[in-house]
Protein backbone atom coordinates (compact mmCIF):
# COMPACT_ATOMS: atom_id res chain seq x y z
CA UNK A 1 0.00 0.00 0.00
CA UNK A 2 1.38 3.47 -0.93
CA UNK A 3 1.89 6.15 1.68
CA UNK A 4 -1.03 8.14 0.27
CA UNK A 5 -3.39 5.13 0.41
CA UNK A 6 -2.23 4.26 3.90
CA UNK A 7 -2.90 7.79 5.10
CA UNK A 8 -6.36 7.82 3.55
CA UNK A 9 -7.16 4.47 5.16
CA UNK A 10 -5.95 5.69 8.56
CA UNK A 11 -8.04 8.85 8.30
CA UNK A 12 -11.11 6.87 7.26
CA UNK A 13 -10.71 4.46 10.15
CA UNK A 14 -10.34 7.39 12.48
CA UNK A 15 -13.76 8.70 11.50
CA UNK A 16 -15.65 5.43 11.93
CA UNK A 17 -15.85 5.62 15.74
CA UNK A 18 -16.59 9.35 15.46
CA UNK A 19 -19.88 8.51 13.78
CA UNK A 20 -20.75 6.31 16.73
CA UNK A 21 -19.57 8.77 19.38
CA UNK A 22 -22.91 10.54 19.75
CA UNK A 23 -25.70 7.95 19.83
CA UNK A 24 -29.22 9.26 19.43
CA UNK A 25 -31.35 8.76 22.53
CA UNK A 26 -34.78 10.29 22.26
CA UNK A 27 -37.09 9.40 25.13
CA UNK A 28 -40.17 10.76 26.83
CA UNK A 29 -43.73 10.26 28.01
CA UNK A 30 -46.91 12.26 28.52
CA UNK A 31 -47.22 13.83 31.96
CA UNK A 32 -50.36 15.96 31.49
CA UNK A 33 -52.54 14.03 31.22
CA UNK A 34 -50.29 11.47 32.90
CA UNK A 35 -49.48 8.40 30.84
CA UNK A 36 -50.25 4.96 32.24
CA UNK A 37 -46.59 3.99 32.46
CA UNK A 38 -45.52 7.31 34.03
CA UNK A 39 -48.29 7.08 36.65
CA UNK A 40 -47.20 3.58 37.69
CA UNK A 41 -43.55 4.62 37.73
CA UNK A 42 -44.44 7.57 39.99
CA UNK A 43 -46.04 5.15 42.47
CA UNK A 44 -42.67 3.37 42.76
CA UNK A 45 -41.56 0.41 40.62
CA UNK A 46 -40.76 -1.84 43.58
CA UNK A 47 -43.96 -1.21 45.53
CA UNK A 48 -46.71 0.43 43.48
CA UNK A 49 -49.81 1.42 45.42
CA UNK A 50 -52.69 0.95 42.96
CA UNK A 51 -54.15 -2.43 42.03
CA UNK A 52 -53.65 -1.76 38.31
CA UNK A 53 -49.97 -0.87 38.68
CA UNK A 54 -49.42 -3.92 40.91
CA UNK A 55 -50.93 -6.03 38.14
CA UNK A 56 -48.57 -4.45 35.62
CA UNK A 57 -45.56 -5.44 37.73
CA UNK A 58 -46.90 -8.98 38.19
CA UNK A 59 -47.14 -9.36 34.43
CA UNK A 60 -43.90 -7.71 33.32
CA UNK A 61 -41.73 -7.05 36.35
CA UNK A 62 -40.33 -3.70 37.49
CA UNK A 63 -37.94 -2.93 34.61
CA UNK A 64 -40.64 -1.53 32.31
CA UNK A 65 -41.33 1.12 34.95
CA UNK A 66 -37.68 2.09 35.26
CA UNK A 67 -37.80 2.39 31.46
CA UNK A 68 -41.04 4.40 31.62
CA UNK A 69 -39.85 6.87 28.95
CA UNK A 70 -39.18 4.36 26.18
CA UNK A 71 -42.37 2.82 24.86
CA UNK A 72 -41.19 3.01 21.28
CA UNK A 73 -40.80 1.48 17.85
CA UNK A 74 -37.39 2.31 16.39
CA UNK A 75 -38.40 1.99 12.75
CA UNK A 76 -42.05 3.09 12.83
CA UNK A 77 -41.75 5.70 10.06
CA UNK A 78 -45.41 6.63 10.50
CA UNK A 79 -46.71 3.08 10.01
CA UNK A 80 -48.24 2.90 13.47
CA UNK A 81 -51.45 1.06 12.76
CA UNK A 82 -49.78 -1.49 10.53
CA UNK A 83 -47.09 -2.26 13.10
CA UNK A 84 -49.12 -2.28 16.33
CA UNK A 85 -51.84 -4.95 16.69
CA UNK A 86 -55.23 -4.29 18.22
CA UNK A 87 -55.16 -4.94 21.94
CA UNK A 88 -51.53 -3.84 22.21
CA UNK A 89 -51.63 -0.11 21.59
CA UNK A 90 -50.39 0.93 25.02
CA UNK A 91 -47.29 -1.28 24.79
CA UNK A 92 -46.73 -0.38 21.12
CA UNK A 93 -46.67 -4.13 20.50
CA UNK A 94 -43.56 -4.50 22.65
CA UNK A 95 -43.75 -7.61 24.87
CA UNK A 96 -41.64 -5.91 27.53
CA UNK A 97 -44.48 -3.42 28.20
CA UNK A 98 -47.33 -5.94 27.89
CA UNK A 99 -48.62 -5.02 31.35
CA UNK A 100 -49.72 -1.64 29.97
CA UNK A 101 -52.26 -3.40 27.75
CA UNK A 102 -54.24 -4.97 30.61
CA UNK A 103 -57.90 -3.99 30.15
CA UNK A 104 -59.04 -2.55 33.50
CA UNK A 105 -61.44 0.07 34.81
CA UNK A 106 -59.15 1.15 37.64
CA UNK A 107 -55.98 2.51 36.02
CA UNK A 108 -54.81 5.73 37.73
CA UNK A 109 -56.48 8.55 35.81
CA UNK A 110 -56.19 12.30 35.30
CA UNK A 111 -59.17 14.65 35.49
CA UNK A 112 -59.78 16.37 32.16
CA UNK A 113 -62.29 18.89 30.87
CA UNK A 114 -63.50 19.68 27.39
CA UNK A 115 -62.10 22.90 25.96
CA UNK A 116 -58.69 24.53 26.10
CA UNK A 117 -55.94 22.51 27.79
CA UNK A 118 -52.18 22.79 28.16
CA UNK A 119 -50.48 19.46 27.52
CA UNK A 120 -47.07 18.43 28.85
CA UNK A 121 -44.76 15.71 27.60
CA UNK A 122 -41.61 14.98 29.60
CA UNK A 123 -38.68 15.03 27.17
CA UNK A 124 -35.85 13.14 28.85
CA UNK A 125 -34.05 13.48 25.50
CA UNK A 126 -35.51 16.16 23.20
CA UNK A 127 -35.95 15.67 19.47
CA UNK A 128 -37.72 17.27 16.57
CA UNK A 129 -40.99 15.67 15.58
CA UNK A 130 -44.77 15.74 15.56
CA UNK A 131 -47.21 14.85 18.33
CA UNK A 132 -50.63 13.48 17.41
CA UNK A 133 -53.23 13.03 20.17
CA UNK A 134 -56.34 10.87 19.84
CA UNK A 135 -59.20 10.30 22.26
CA UNK A 136 -61.46 7.27 22.53
CA UNK A 137 -64.92 7.28 21.01
CA UNK A 138 -68.12 7.63 22.99
CA UNK A 139 -69.01 4.25 24.47
CA UNK A 140 -65.36 3.31 25.12
CA UNK A 141 -65.15 0.33 27.50
CA UNK A 142 -61.85 0.18 29.44
CA UNK A 143 -62.58 -3.39 30.52
CA UNK A 144 -61.90 -4.55 26.95
CA UNK A 145 -58.55 -4.57 25.08
CA UNK A 146 -57.94 -1.23 23.36
CA UNK A 147 -58.33 -1.40 19.57
CA UNK A 148 -57.52 1.15 16.90
CA UNK A 149 -61.24 1.35 16.15
CA UNK A 150 -61.83 2.53 19.74
CA UNK A 151 -60.06 5.80 18.90
CA UNK A 152 -61.60 8.69 17.02
CA UNK A 153 -60.47 8.46 13.39
CA UNK A 154 -58.57 11.74 13.45
CA UNK A 155 -56.35 13.33 16.12
CA UNK A 156 -57.96 16.15 18.07
CA UNK A 157 -54.54 17.78 18.29
CA UNK A 158 -51.46 17.64 16.09
CA UNK A 159 -48.40 19.82 16.72
CA UNK A 160 -44.90 19.88 15.26
CA UNK A 161 -41.81 20.89 17.24
CA UNK A 162 -43.61 22.35 20.27
CA UNK A 163 -41.93 24.62 22.78
CA UNK A 164 -39.54 22.95 25.22
CA UNK A 165 -39.77 24.41 28.73
CA UNK A 166 -38.11 23.03 31.86
CA UNK A 167 -37.54 19.65 30.26
CA UNK A 168 -41.16 19.38 29.06
CA UNK A 169 -42.71 19.84 25.67
CA UNK A 170 -45.58 22.25 26.30
CA UNK A 171 -48.39 22.72 23.79
CA UNK A 172 -52.00 23.84 23.86
CA UNK A 173 -55.04 22.32 22.26
CA UNK A 174 -58.79 21.96 22.47
CA UNK A 175 -60.14 18.80 24.10
CA UNK A 176 -63.38 17.51 22.54
CA UNK A 177 -66.52 17.14 24.62
CA UNK A 178 -66.65 13.76 26.34
CA UNK A 179 -68.00 12.35 29.59
CA UNK A 180 -66.89 9.66 32.00
CA UNK A 181 -63.75 7.55 31.63
CA UNK A 182 -61.77 7.75 28.40
CA UNK A 183 -58.22 7.35 27.12
CA UNK A 184 -55.93 9.80 25.32
CA UNK A 185 -53.49 8.08 22.97
CA UNK A 186 -50.38 9.97 21.86
CA UNK A 187 -47.95 9.27 19.05
CA UNK A 188 -44.67 11.18 18.95
CA UNK A 189 -43.14 10.58 15.52
CA UNK A 190 -39.62 11.92 15.17
CA UNK A 191 -38.87 13.84 11.96
CA UNK A 192 -35.12 13.16 12.01
CA UNK A 193 -35.55 9.41 12.46
CA UNK A 194 -38.19 6.72 11.81
CA UNK A 195 -38.48 6.18 15.58
CA UNK A 196 -41.80 6.88 17.31
CA UNK A 197 -43.00 6.89 20.93
CA UNK A 198 -46.46 6.01 22.24
CA UNK A 199 -48.47 6.69 25.40
CA UNK A 200 -51.86 5.82 26.86
CA UNK A 201 -53.26 8.36 29.33
CA UNK A 202 -56.34 7.33 31.30
CA UNK A 203 -58.65 10.30 31.89
CA UNK A 204 -61.97 11.02 33.56
CA UNK A 205 -63.92 13.95 32.15
CA UNK A 206 -65.38 16.43 34.58
CA UNK A 207 -68.99 17.49 34.46
CA UNK A 208 -69.51 20.59 32.43
CA UNK A 209 -69.19 23.48 34.84
CA UNK A 210 -68.40 21.23 37.81
CA UNK A 211 -65.61 19.22 39.36
CA UNK A 212 -67.21 15.80 39.59
CA UNK A 213 -66.95 13.04 37.04
CA UNK A 214 -70.03 12.34 35.00
CA UNK A 215 -70.86 8.68 34.38
CA UNK A 216 -73.65 8.11 31.87
CA UNK A 217 -75.82 5.02 32.13
CA UNK A 218 -74.16 1.96 30.64
CA UNK A 219 -70.62 3.38 30.70
CA UNK A 220 -67.71 2.39 32.88
CA UNK A 221 -67.59 4.01 36.33
CA UNK A 222 -64.86 6.52 37.07
CA UNK A 223 -63.07 4.12 39.38
CA UNK A 224 -59.39 4.16 40.22
CA UNK A 225 -56.93 6.52 41.90
CA UNK A 226 -55.74 9.88 40.60
CA UNK A 227 -52.67 9.65 38.37
CA UNK A 228 -49.55 11.52 39.48
CA UNK A 229 -46.59 12.41 37.27
CA UNK A 230 -43.09 11.34 38.42
CA UNK A 231 -41.12 14.12 40.08
CA UNK A 232 -37.63 15.20 39.08
CA UNK A 233 -36.04 13.76 42.21
CA UNK A 234 -37.32 10.28 41.43
CA UNK A 235 -36.27 10.54 37.79
CA UNK A 236 -32.72 11.57 38.78
CA UNK A 237 -32.51 8.95 41.52
CA UNK A 238 -33.56 6.11 39.23
CA UNK A 239 -31.56 7.16 36.16
CA UNK A 240 -29.06 4.38 36.74
CA UNK A 241 -31.80 1.74 36.78
CA UNK A 242 -32.80 2.36 33.17
CA UNK A 243 -31.73 -0.34 30.74
CA UNK A 244 -32.09 1.38 27.37
CA UNK A 245 -28.76 3.25 27.23
CA UNK A 246 -29.34 4.86 23.84
CA UNK A 247 -29.37 3.46 20.32
CA UNK A 248 -27.31 0.60 19.10
CA UNK A 249 -25.77 0.37 15.65
CA UNK A 250 -29.01 -0.95 14.14
CA UNK A 251 -30.95 2.14 15.17
CA UNK A 252 -32.97 0.46 17.91
CA UNK A 253 -32.85 0.83 21.67
CA UNK A 254 -31.41 -1.74 23.96
CA UNK A 255 -34.69 -2.51 25.66
CA UNK A 256 -36.91 -2.82 22.64
CA UNK A 257 -37.31 -1.34 19.19
CA UNK A 258 -40.52 -2.73 17.85
CA UNK A 259 -43.42 -5.10 18.30
CA UNK A 260 -42.41 -8.13 20.32
CA UNK A 261 -38.82 -6.95 20.53
CA UNK A 262 -38.54 -7.53 24.28
CA UNK A 263 -36.42 -10.27 25.78
CA UNK A 264 -39.28 -12.72 25.56
CA UNK A 265 -40.48 -11.67 22.13
CA UNK A 266 -42.04 -14.48 20.18
CA UNK A 267 -41.98 -16.83 23.16
CA UNK A 268 -45.69 -16.60 23.86
CA UNK A 269 -45.10 -14.99 27.27
CA UNK A 270 -47.19 -11.95 26.40
CA UNK A 271 -50.14 -14.09 25.36
CA UNK A 272 -49.90 -16.24 28.48
CA UNK A 273 -49.70 -13.15 30.69
CA UNK A 274 -52.72 -11.63 28.97
CA UNK A 275 -54.66 -14.84 29.41
CA UNK A 276 -53.76 -14.93 33.09
CA UNK A 277 -55.35 -11.50 33.48
CA UNK A 278 -58.53 -12.64 31.74
CA UNK A 279 -57.91 -11.25 28.27
CA UNK A 280 -56.24 -12.23 25.01
CA UNK A 281 -54.31 -10.02 22.62
CA UNK A 282 -55.90 -9.54 19.21
CA UNK A 283 -54.34 -8.67 15.90
CA UNK A 284 -55.09 -5.85 13.54
CA UNK A 285 -53.80 -3.89 10.59
CA UNK A 286 -54.67 -1.27 8.06
CA UNK A 287 -53.36 2.08 6.96
CA UNK A 288 -51.27 4.25 9.28
CA UNK A 289 -53.22 6.39 11.69
CA UNK A 290 -50.74 9.23 11.58
CA UNK A 291 -48.10 9.78 8.93
CA UNK A 292 -45.56 11.83 10.85
CA UNK A 293 -42.33 10.75 9.16
CA UNK A 294 -42.07 13.61 6.67
CA UNK A 295 -42.38 16.56 9.03
CA UNK A 296 -39.89 19.28 7.96
CA UNK A 297 -37.19 20.33 10.37
CA UNK A 298 -37.40 23.75 11.92
CA UNK A 299 -38.61 25.51 15.03
CA UNK A 300 -37.00 26.06 18.40
CA UNK A 301 -33.25 25.89 18.64
CA UNK A 302 -33.69 23.85 21.83
CA UNK A 303 -34.63 20.78 19.79
CA UNK A 304 -31.56 18.75 18.93
CA UNK A 305 -31.51 17.09 15.50
CA UNK A 306 -29.56 14.07 16.70
CA UNK A 307 -30.76 13.71 20.27
CA UNK A 308 -28.72 14.21 23.41
CA UNK A 309 -28.16 13.42 26.97
CA UNK A 310 -26.16 16.09 28.77
CA UNK A 311 -22.97 14.04 28.39
CA UNK A 312 -23.32 13.26 24.69
CA UNK A 313 -21.86 16.50 23.27
CA UNK A 314 -18.86 16.25 25.63
CA UNK A 315 -18.23 12.66 24.62
CA UNK A 316 -18.57 13.49 20.95
CA UNK A 317 -16.22 16.48 21.12
CA UNK A 318 -13.67 14.63 23.21
CA UNK A 319 -13.82 11.65 20.89
CA UNK A 320 -13.45 13.83 17.82
CA UNK A 321 -10.46 15.62 19.30
CA UNK A 322 -8.72 12.39 20.26
CA UNK A 323 -9.36 10.80 16.87
CA UNK A 324 -8.19 13.90 15.03
CA UNK A 325 -4.92 13.99 16.97
CA UNK A 326 -4.38 10.28 16.47
CA UNK A 327 -5.05 10.49 12.75
CA UNK A 328 -2.67 13.44 12.40
CA UNK A 329 0.14 11.60 14.21
CA UNK A 330 -0.31 8.47 12.12
CA UNK A 331 -0.50 10.49 8.93
CA UNK A 332 2.74 12.29 9.78
CA UNK A 333 4.47 9.00 10.64
CA UNK A 334 3.44 7.40 7.35
CA UNK A 335 4.55 10.51 5.47
CA UNK A 336 7.99 10.56 7.10
CA UNK A 337 8.52 6.89 6.31
CA UNK A 338 7.53 7.46 2.70
CA UNK A 339 9.96 10.36 2.36
CA UNK A 340 12.72 8.38 4.03
CA UNK A 341 12.07 5.48 1.69
CA UNK A 342 12.40 7.69 -1.39
CA UNK A 343 15.66 9.19 -0.14
CA UNK A 344 16.96 5.74 0.67
CA UNK A 345 16.42 4.70 -2.95
């Protein structure tokens, strides 16, 4: 190999790890209204208080709650309805989070009113993208597995690159008129990646002009405790218990990147767990509910295009500096040897 080719090869090799030095790590979950997984995490993964959250832990263990901000599909690309079967919307078809799909009337719920509302979505790693929020149809029965057909056909709110404030995406919208217990389903489709995140938020609508929950005849009662969002102290304290650790080289997260991508995917564990709770998962398909993959970049400068934890930029810069120095030294060494070789001839 000539000196020039050697130098080019050295430089190229030096840039390979640089591309891997800043892994994308977008994570988050709805906190107003509080998502099902965030509410159970806030109760404490090791000893949740509510019956529904205890059932979740019995089915899937505590790790899904420590990974509360990563109910995702790495390669969704807007194909949400095609990828996620009926009965498994809250877990995004990921066996690891199967406990979120348990059909129950007593999930911790947030009070919600029709009209103007300010929504919050905890962004533990911010990213550009579009949020689409759906609400269940009138007559929704929480004691049955959630199907795509249980949601209104169009989102009641869709927003791209909302404002990031204090670690939360904050955006306003108008909640449609509903009564009794319902569910708000959110899809966060990144625009700089095919990855998408999903949440189920159990809500109880207040009476119009009052503070009590209205329960029409024949609908599910507004049972269950009030959902609470996890506080910052708990999130910081438990950061080391999370298992996702960013993206791998295939673009997925360590703890799951698609339907049935958990450690027991394909083993039948999810189906057995569902049966044990008195329900069975169903399958479904069809066209995507929300095509969010082509959202143009733009908006607040706070939104990173490649994702970040606070340490990522430091690691990337340090890695780039080290690689640049190393490549320069090797290049110079090869050059000197080439010159010496010519003189020797």
